[in-house]
PDB file of N, CA and C in Angstrom:
ATOM      1  N   MET A   1      62.546 169.289 129.817  1.00  0.00           N
ATOM      2  CA  MET A   1      62.850 168.264 128.837  1.00  0.00           C
ATOM      3  C   MET A   1      63.324 168.852 127.524  1.00  0.00           C
ATOM      4  N   GLN A   2      62.815 170.043 127.187  1.00  0.00           N
ATOM      5  CA  GLN A   2      63.219 170.647 125.928  1.00  0.00           C
ATOM      6  C   GLN A   2      64.713 170.967 125.941  1.00  0.00           C
ATOM      7  N   GLN A   3      65.238 171.388 127.086  1.00  0.00           N
ATOM      8  CA  GLN A   3      66.670 171.677 127.166  1.00  0.00           C
ATOM      9  C   GLN A   3      67.488 170.405 126.986  1.00  0.00           C
ATOM     10  N   LEU A   4      67.017 169.295 127.521  1.00  0.00           N
ATOM     11  CA  LEU A   4      67.723 168.035 127.359  1.00  0.00           C
ATOM     12  C   LEU A   4      67.772 167.630 125.888  1.00  0.00           C
ATOM     13  N   ALA A   5      66.691 167.832 125.172  1.00  0.00           N
ATOM     14  CA  ALA A   5      66.676 167.527 123.736  1.00  0.00           C
ATOM     15  C   ALA A   5      67.640 168.437 122.985  1.00  0.00           C
ATOM     16  N   LYS A   6      67.725 169.688 123.384  1.00  0.00           N
ATOM     17  CA  LYS A   6      68.661 170.631 122.769  1.00  0.00           C
ATOM     18  C   LYS A   6      70.101 170.199 123.033  1.00  0.00           C
ATOM     19  N   LEU A   7      70.381 169.795 124.259  1.00  0.00           N
ATOM     20  CA  LEU A   7      71.724 169.322 124.594  1.00  0.00           C
ATOM     21  C   LEU A   7      72.072 168.056 123.824  1.00  0.00           C
ATOM     22  N   ARG A   8      71.107 167.156 123.691  1.00  0.00           N
ATOM     23  CA  ARG A   8      71.346 165.920 122.930  1.00  0.00           C
ATOM     24  C   ARG A   8      71.724 166.267 121.484  1.00  0.00           C
ATOM     25  N   TRP A   9      71.047 167.233 120.913  1.00  0.00           N
ATOM     26  CA  TRP A   9      71.356 167.666 119.554  1.00  0.00           C
ATOM     27  C   TRP A   9      72.772 168.261 119.494  1.00  0.00           C
ATOM     28  N   GLN A  10      73.148 169.057 120.499  1.00  0.00           N
ATOM     29  CA  GLN A  10      74.480 169.668 120.528  1.00  0.00           C
ATOM     30  C   GLN A  10      75.581 168.637 120.750  1.00  0.00           C
ATOM     31  N   CYS A  11      75.249 167.509 121.359  1.00  0.00           N
ATOM     32  CA  CYS A  11      76.231 166.446 121.587  1.00  0.00           C
ATOM     33  C   CYS A  11      76.548 165.673 120.311  1.00  0.00           C
ATOM     34  N   ARG A  12      75.675 165.748 119.350  1.00  0.00           N
ATOM     35  CA  ARG A  12      75.886 165.033 118.091  1.00  0.00           C
ATOM     36  C   ARG A  12      76.798 165.869 117.212  1.00  0.00           C
ATOM     37  N   ARG A  13      78.064 165.504 117.182  1.00  0.00           N
ATOM     38  CA  ARG A  13      79.077 166.308 116.508  1.00  0.00           C
ATOM     39  C   ARG A  13      79.528 165.722 115.174  1.00  0.00           C
ATOM     40  N   GLY A  14      79.146 164.491 114.870  1.00  0.00           N
ATOM     41  CA  GLY A  14      79.540 163.899 113.601  1.00  0.00           C
ATOM     42  C   GLY A  14      80.861 163.158 113.679  1.00  0.00           C
ATOM     43  N   THR A  15      81.434 163.107 114.844  1.00  0.00           N
ATOM     44  CA  THR A  15      82.652 162.344 115.072  1.00  0.00           C
ATOM     45  C   THR A  15      82.309 161.260 116.084  1.00  0.00           C
ATOM     46  N   LYS A  16      82.583 160.016 115.751  1.00  0.00           N
ATOM     47  CA  LYS A  16      82.189 158.912 116.620  1.00  0.00           C
ATOM     48  C   LYS A  16      82.673 159.101 118.049  1.00  0.00           C
ATOM     49  N   GLU A  17      83.922 159.511 118.184  1.00  0.00           N
ATOM     50  CA  GLU A  17      84.504 159.653 119.515  1.00  0.00           C
ATOM     51  C   GLU A  17      83.768 160.712 120.331  1.00  0.00           C
ATOM     52  N   LEU A  18      83.525 161.863 119.718  1.00  0.00           N
ATOM     53  CA  LEU A  18      82.823 162.935 120.424  1.00  0.00           C
ATOM     54  C   LEU A  18      81.391 162.545 120.727  1.00  0.00           C
ATOM     55  N   ASP A  19      80.708 162.012 119.740  1.00  0.00           N
ATOM     56  CA  ASP A  19      79.317 161.591 119.952  1.00  0.00           C
ATOM     57  C   ASP A  19      79.229 160.606 121.105  1.00  0.00           C
ATOM     58  N   PHE A  20      80.102 159.619 121.110  1.00  0.00           N
ATOM     59  CA  PHE A  20      80.076 158.594 122.143  1.00  0.00           C
ATOM     60  C   PHE A  20      80.319 159.192 123.524  1.00  0.00           C
ATOM     61  N   LEU A  21      81.366 159.973 123.675  1.00  0.00           N
ATOM     62  CA  LEU A  21      81.706 160.546 124.974  1.00  0.00           C
ATOM     63  C   LEU A  21      80.627 161.495 125.481  1.00  0.00           C
ATOM     64  N   LEU A  22      80.191 162.392 124.617  1.00  0.00           N
ATOM     65  CA  LEU A  22      79.231 163.406 125.047  1.00  0.00           C
ATOM     66  C   LEU A  22      77.857 162.822 125.348  1.00  0.00           C
ATOM     67  N   LEU A  23      77.372 161.958 124.476  1.00  0.00           N
ATOM     68  CA  LEU A  23      76.051 161.363 124.696  1.00  0.00           C
ATOM     69  C   LEU A  23      76.041 160.419 125.894  1.00  0.00           C
ATOM     70  N   ARG A  24      77.145 159.720 126.094  1.00  0.00           N
ATOM     71  CA  ARG A  24      77.230 158.823 127.250  1.00  0.00           C
ATOM     72  C   ARG A  24      77.153 159.633 128.546  1.00  0.00           C
ATOM     73  N   TYR A  25      77.885 160.770 128.590  1.00  0.00           N
ATOM     74  CA  TYR A  25      77.811 161.620 129.787  1.00  0.00           C
ATOM     75  C   TYR A  25      76.404 162.204 129.938  1.00  0.00           C
ATOM     76  N   LEU A  26      75.819 162.671 128.855  1.00  0.00           N
ATOM     77  CA  LEU A  26      74.480 163.253 128.923  1.00  0.00           C
ATOM     78  C   LEU A  26      73.478 162.239 129.479  1.00  0.00           C
ATOM     79  N   ASP A  27      73.582 160.993 129.041  1.00  0.00           N
ATOM     80  CA  ASP A  27      72.639 159.956 129.473  1.00  0.00           C
ATOM     81  C   ASP A  27      72.884 159.477 130.899  1.00  0.00           C
ATOM     82  N   SER A  28      74.124 159.488 131.338  1.00  0.00           N
ATOM     83  CA  SER A  28      74.392 158.879 132.639  1.00  0.00           C
ATOM     84  C   SER A  28      74.867 159.843 133.721  1.00  0.00           C
ATOM     85  N   GLY A  29      75.431 160.977 133.365  1.00  0.00           N
ATOM     86  CA  GLY A  29      75.985 161.859 134.375  1.00  0.00           C
ATOM     87  C   GLY A  29      75.335 163.222 134.490  1.00  0.00           C
ATOM     88  N   TYR A  30      74.789 163.706 133.406  1.00  0.00           N
ATOM     89  CA  TYR A  30      74.270 165.072 133.388  1.00  0.00           C
ATOM     90  C   TYR A  30      73.119 165.265 134.373  1.00  0.00           C
ATOM     91  N   MET A  31      72.198 164.342 134.424  1.00  0.00           N
ATOM     92  CA  MET A  31      71.029 164.495 135.290  1.00  0.00           C
ATOM     93  C   MET A  31      71.402 164.470 136.770  1.00  0.00           C
ATOM     94  N   LEU A  32      72.525 163.860 137.103  1.00  0.00           N
ATOM     95  CA  LEU A  32      72.986 163.788 138.487  1.00  0.00           C
ATOM     96  C   LEU A  32      73.865 164.973 138.863  1.00  0.00           C
ATOM     97  N   ALA A  33      74.264 165.763 137.869  1.00  0.00           N
ATOM     98  CA  ALA A  33      75.192 166.871 138.095  1.00  0.00           C
ATOM     99  C   ALA A  33      74.508 168.043 138.783  1.00  0.00           C
ATOM    100  N   ASP A  34      75.319 168.821 139.501  1.00  0.00           N
ATOM    101  CA  ASP A  34      74.775 170.050 140.104  1.00  0.00           C
ATOM    102  C   ASP A  34      74.721 171.146 139.035  1.00  0.00           C
ATOM    103  N   ASP A  35      74.170 172.278 139.381  1.00  0.00           N
ATOM    104  CA  ASP A  35      73.980 173.364 138.408  1.00  0.00           C
ATOM    105  C   ASP A  35      75.297 173.861 137.830  1.00  0.00           C
ATOM    106  N   GLU A  36      76.345 173.913 138.659  1.00  0.00           N
ATOM    107  CA  GLU A  36      77.657 174.374 138.178  1.00  0.00           C
ATOM    108  C   GLU A  36      78.211 173.430 137.120  1.00  0.00           C
ATOM    109  N   GLU A  37      78.116 172.133 137.375  1.00  0.00           N
ATOM    110  CA  GLU A  37      78.627 171.162 136.416  1.00  0.00           C
ATOM    111  C   GLU A  37      77.806 171.183 135.126  1.00  0.00           C
ATOM    112  N   LYS A  38      76.497 171.350 135.247  1.00  0.00           N
ATOM    113  CA  LYS A  38      75.656 171.444 134.055  1.00  0.00           C
ATOM    114  C   LYS A  38      76.042 172.661 133.220  1.00  0.00           C
ATOM    115  N   ALA A  39      76.324 173.777 133.868  1.00  0.00           N
ATOM    116  CA  ALA A  39      76.755 174.983 133.155  1.00  0.00           C
ATOM    117  C   ALA A  39      78.095 174.764 132.476  1.00  0.00           C
ATOM    118  N   LEU A  40      78.998 174.060 133.131  1.00  0.00           N
ATOM    119  CA  LEU A  40      80.303 173.753 132.526  1.00  0.00           C
ATOM    120  C   LEU A  40      80.144 172.850 131.306  1.00  0.00           C
ATOM    121  N   PHE A  41      79.200 171.911 131.377  1.00  0.00           N
ATOM    122  CA  PHE A  41      78.961 171.033 130.243  1.00  0.00           C
ATOM    123  C   PHE A  41      78.460 171.825 129.041  1.00  0.00           C
ATOM    124  N   VAL A  42      77.566 172.764 129.280  1.00  0.00           N
ATOM    125  CA  VAL A  42      77.064 173.626 128.206  1.00  0.00           C
ATOM    126  C   VAL A  42      78.218 174.451 127.629  1.00  0.00           C
ATOM    127  N   GLU A  43      79.081 174.936 128.494  1.00  0.00           N
ATOM    128  CA  GLU A  43      80.257 175.693 128.045  1.00  0.00           C
ATOM    129  C   GLU A  43      81.175 174.806 127.204  1.00  0.00           C
ATOM    130  N   LEU A  44      81.352 173.573 127.620  1.00  0.00           N
ATOM    131  CA  LEU A  44      82.178 172.627 126.877  1.00  0.00           C
ATOM    132  C   LEU A  44      81.599 172.373 125.489  1.00  0.00           C
ATOM    133  N   LEU A  45      80.272 172.267 125.410  1.00  0.00           N
ATOM    134  CA  LEU A  45      79.624 172.024 124.121  1.00  0.00           C
ATOM    135  C   LEU A  45      79.770 173.201 123.162  1.00  0.00           C
ATOM    136  N   ALA A  46      80.089 174.374 123.690  1.00  0.00           N
ATOM    137  CA  ALA A  46      80.255 175.556 122.841  1.00  0.00           C
ATOM    138  C   ALA A  46      81.607 175.577 122.129  1.00  0.00           C
ATOM    139  N   LEU A  47      82.514 174.687 122.517  1.00  0.00           N
ATOM    140  CA  LEU A  47      83.826 174.649 121.882  1.00  0.00           C
ATOM    141  C   LEU A  47      83.729 174.125 120.453  1.00  0.00           C
ATOM    142  N   GLU A  48      84.648 174.565 119.630  1.00  0.00           N
ATOM    143  CA  GLU A  48      84.754 174.026 118.270  1.00  0.00           C
ATOM    144  C   GLU A  48      85.144 172.554 118.359  1.00  0.00           C
ATOM    145  N   ASP A  49      84.746 171.770 117.372  1.00  0.00           N
ATOM    146  CA  ASP A  49      84.975 170.330 117.405  1.00  0.00           C
ATOM    147  C   ASP A  49      86.446 169.959 117.599  1.00  0.00           C
ATOM    148  N   ASP A  50      87.354 170.614 116.887  1.00  0.00           N
ATOM    149  CA  ASP A  50      88.767 170.249 117.001  1.00  0.00           C
ATOM    150  C   ASP A  50      89.300 170.534 118.407  1.00  0.00           C
ATOM    151  N   HIS A  51      88.880 171.629 118.999  1.00  0.00           N
ATOM    152  CA  HIS A  51      89.299 171.958 120.363  1.00  0.00           C
ATOM    153  C   HIS A  51      88.643 171.002 121.370  1.00  0.00           C
ATOM    154  N   LEU A  52      87.385 170.674 121.137  1.00  0.00           N
ATOM    155  CA  LEU A  52      86.653 169.781 122.024  1.00  0.00           C
ATOM    156  C   LEU A  52      87.258 168.383 122.026  1.00  0.00           C
ATOM    157  N   ILE A  53      87.553 167.859 120.862  1.00  0.00           N
ATOM    158  CA  ILE A  53      88.122 166.511 120.801  1.00  0.00           C
ATOM    159  C   ILE A  53      89.515 166.485 121.423  1.00  0.00           C
ATOM    160  N   SER A  54      90.288 167.544 121.224  1.00  0.00           N
ATOM    161  CA  SER A  54      91.609 167.610 121.845  1.00  0.00           C
ATOM    162  C   SER A  54      91.499 167.684 123.361  1.00  0.00           C
ATOM    163  N   THR A  55      90.513 168.384 123.838  1.00  0.00           N
ATOM    164  CA  THR A  55      90.291 168.500 125.282  1.00  0.00           C
ATOM    165  C   THR A  55      89.846 167.167 125.872  1.00  0.00           C
ATOM    166  N   LEU A  56      88.890 166.520 125.248  1.00  0.00           N
ATOM    167  CA  LEU A  56      88.347 165.279 125.798  1.00  0.00           C
ATOM    168  C   LEU A  56      89.282 164.091 125.650  1.00  0.00           C
ATOM    169  N   LEU A  57      90.118 164.104 124.633  1.00  0.00           N
ATOM    170  CA  LEU A  57      91.034 162.981 124.442  1.00  0.00           C
ATOM    171  C   LEU A  57      92.392 163.207 125.099  1.00  0.00           C
ATOM    172  N   GLY A  58      92.549 164.343 125.761  1.00  0.00           N
ATOM    173  CA  GLY A  58      93.747 164.569 126.557  1.00  0.00           C
ATOM    174  C   GLY A  58      94.895 165.263 125.867  1.00  0.00           C
ATOM    175  N   ASP A  59      94.701 165.739 124.648  1.00  0.00           N
ATOM    176  CA  ASP A  59      95.777 166.435 123.947  1.00  0.00           C
ATOM    177  C   ASP A  59      95.976 167.850 124.471  1.00  0.00           C
ATOM    178  N   LEU A  60      94.928 168.466 124.988  1.00  0.00           N
ATOM    179  CA  LEU A  60      95.012 169.806 125.566  1.00  0.00           C
ATOM    180  C   LEU A  60      94.785 169.710 127.065  1.00  0.00           C
ATOM    181  N   ASP A  61      95.586 170.437 127.816  1.00  0.00           N
ATOM    182  CA  ASP A  61      95.434 170.460 129.259  1.00  0.00           C
ATOM    183  C   ASP A  61      94.400 171.518 129.623  1.00  0.00           C
ATOM    184  N   VAL A  62      93.481 171.165 130.484  1.00  0.00           N
ATOM    185  CA  VAL A  62      92.435 172.076 130.933  1.00  0.00           C
ATOM    186  C   VAL A  62      92.947 172.822 132.153  1.00  0.00           C
ATOM    187  N   MET A  63      92.834 174.153 132.121  1.00  0.00           N
ATOM    188  CA  MET A  63      93.393 174.972 133.184  1.00  0.00           C
ATOM    189  C   MET A  63      92.413 175.210 134.334  1.00  0.00           C
ATOM    190  N   ILE A  64      91.122 175.232 134.060  1.00  0.00           N
ATOM    191  CA  ILE A  64      90.123 175.498 135.088  1.00  0.00           C
ATOM    192  C   ILE A  64      89.848 174.191 135.832  1.00  0.00           C
ATOM    193  N   ALA A  65      90.024 174.226 137.152  1.00  0.00           N
ATOM    194  CA  ALA A  65      89.913 173.006 137.958  1.00  0.00           C
ATOM    195  C   ALA A  65      88.558 172.320 137.804  1.00  0.00           C
ATOM    196  N   ALA A  66      87.475 173.072 137.871  1.00  0.00           N
ATOM    197  CA  ALA A  66      86.139 172.472 137.764  1.00  0.00           C
ATOM    198  C   ALA A  66      85.921 171.848 136.386  1.00  0.00           C
ATOM    199  N   MET A  67      86.435 172.492 135.346  1.00  0.00           N
ATOM    200  CA  MET A  67      86.302 171.939 133.992  1.00  0.00           C
ATOM    201  C   MET A  67      87.141 170.671 133.864  1.00  0.00           C
ATOM    202  N   LYS A  68      88.300 170.661 134.500  1.00  0.00           N
ATOM    203  CA  LYS A  68      89.164 169.484 134.465  1.00  0.00           C
ATOM    204  C   LYS A  68      88.446 168.290 135.105  1.00  0.00           C
ATOM    205  N   ILE A  69      87.754 168.530 136.204  1.00  0.00           N
ATOM    206  CA  ILE A  69      87.000 167.461 136.873  1.00  0.00           C
ATOM    207  C   ILE A  69      85.894 166.943 135.956  1.00  0.00           C
ATOM    208  N   LEU A  70      85.203 167.852 135.281  1.00  0.00           N
ATOM    209  CA  LEU A  70      84.145 167.446 134.355  1.00  0.00           C
ATOM    210  C   LEU A  70      84.710 166.618 133.210  1.00  0.00           C
ATOM    211  N   VAL A  71      85.810 167.063 132.626  1.00  0.00           N
ATOM    212  CA  VAL A  71      86.427 166.328 131.518  1.00  0.00           C
ATOM    213  C   VAL A  71      86.822 164.925 131.980  1.00  0.00           C
ATOM    214  N   GLU A  72      87.362 164.809 133.175  1.00  0.00           N
ATOM    215  CA  GLU A  72      87.722 163.494 133.705  1.00  0.00           C
ATOM    216  C   GLU A  72      86.483 162.618 133.900  1.00  0.00           C
ATOM    217  N   LYS A  73      85.378 163.214 134.349  1.00  0.00           N
ATOM    218  CA  LYS A  73      84.124 162.463 134.492  1.00  0.00           C
ATOM    219  C   LYS A  73      83.640 161.956 133.141  1.00  0.00           C
ATOM    220  N   ILE A  74      83.699 162.821 132.154  1.00  0.00           N
ATOM    221  CA  ILE A  74      83.238 162.432 130.814  1.00  0.00           C
ATOM    222  C   ILE A  74      84.094 161.293 130.278  1.00  0.00           C
ATOM    223  N   ARG A  75      85.393 161.368 130.467  1.00  0.00           N
ATOM    224  CA  ARG A  75      86.287 160.303 130.010  1.00  0.00           C
ATOM    225  C   ARG A  75      86.017 158.994 130.737  1.00  0.00           C
ATOM    226  N   ALA A  76      85.710 159.068 132.028  1.00  0.00           N
ATOM    227  CA  ALA A  76      85.568 157.873 132.863  1.00  0.00           C
ATOM    228  C   ALA A  76      84.217 157.180 132.713  1.00  0.00           C
ATOM    229  N   GLN A  77      83.219 157.867 132.213  1.00  0.00           N
ATOM    230  CA  GLN A  77      81.866 157.294 132.129  1.00  0.00           C
ATOM    231  C   GLN A  77      81.835 156.090 131.232  1.00  0.00           C
TER     232      GLN A  77
END
C-alpha cells in the first residue's frame, strides 16, 4: 500500500490534464496491470512534465511498443 501512496503522489503533477489522466489510470487500471506494465507506468512517471504531457496527449510518438500500449490505455480510461 505504501507504494500505491507514493505513486499517487507522483501522479499529482499540478496540471489538470496530467493529474486527471494519471490518477484515473492509477485508480482503475494499475491494480489490474501485470508487473511489466506497472514498471512502464513508473518509468512514465519519471518523465518531465512537458515530455509527459506531450506523450499522453499525442504530440510525441512513442517508439517502444509496450509503452505505446500503456499510453493508449491511459488515454482510453
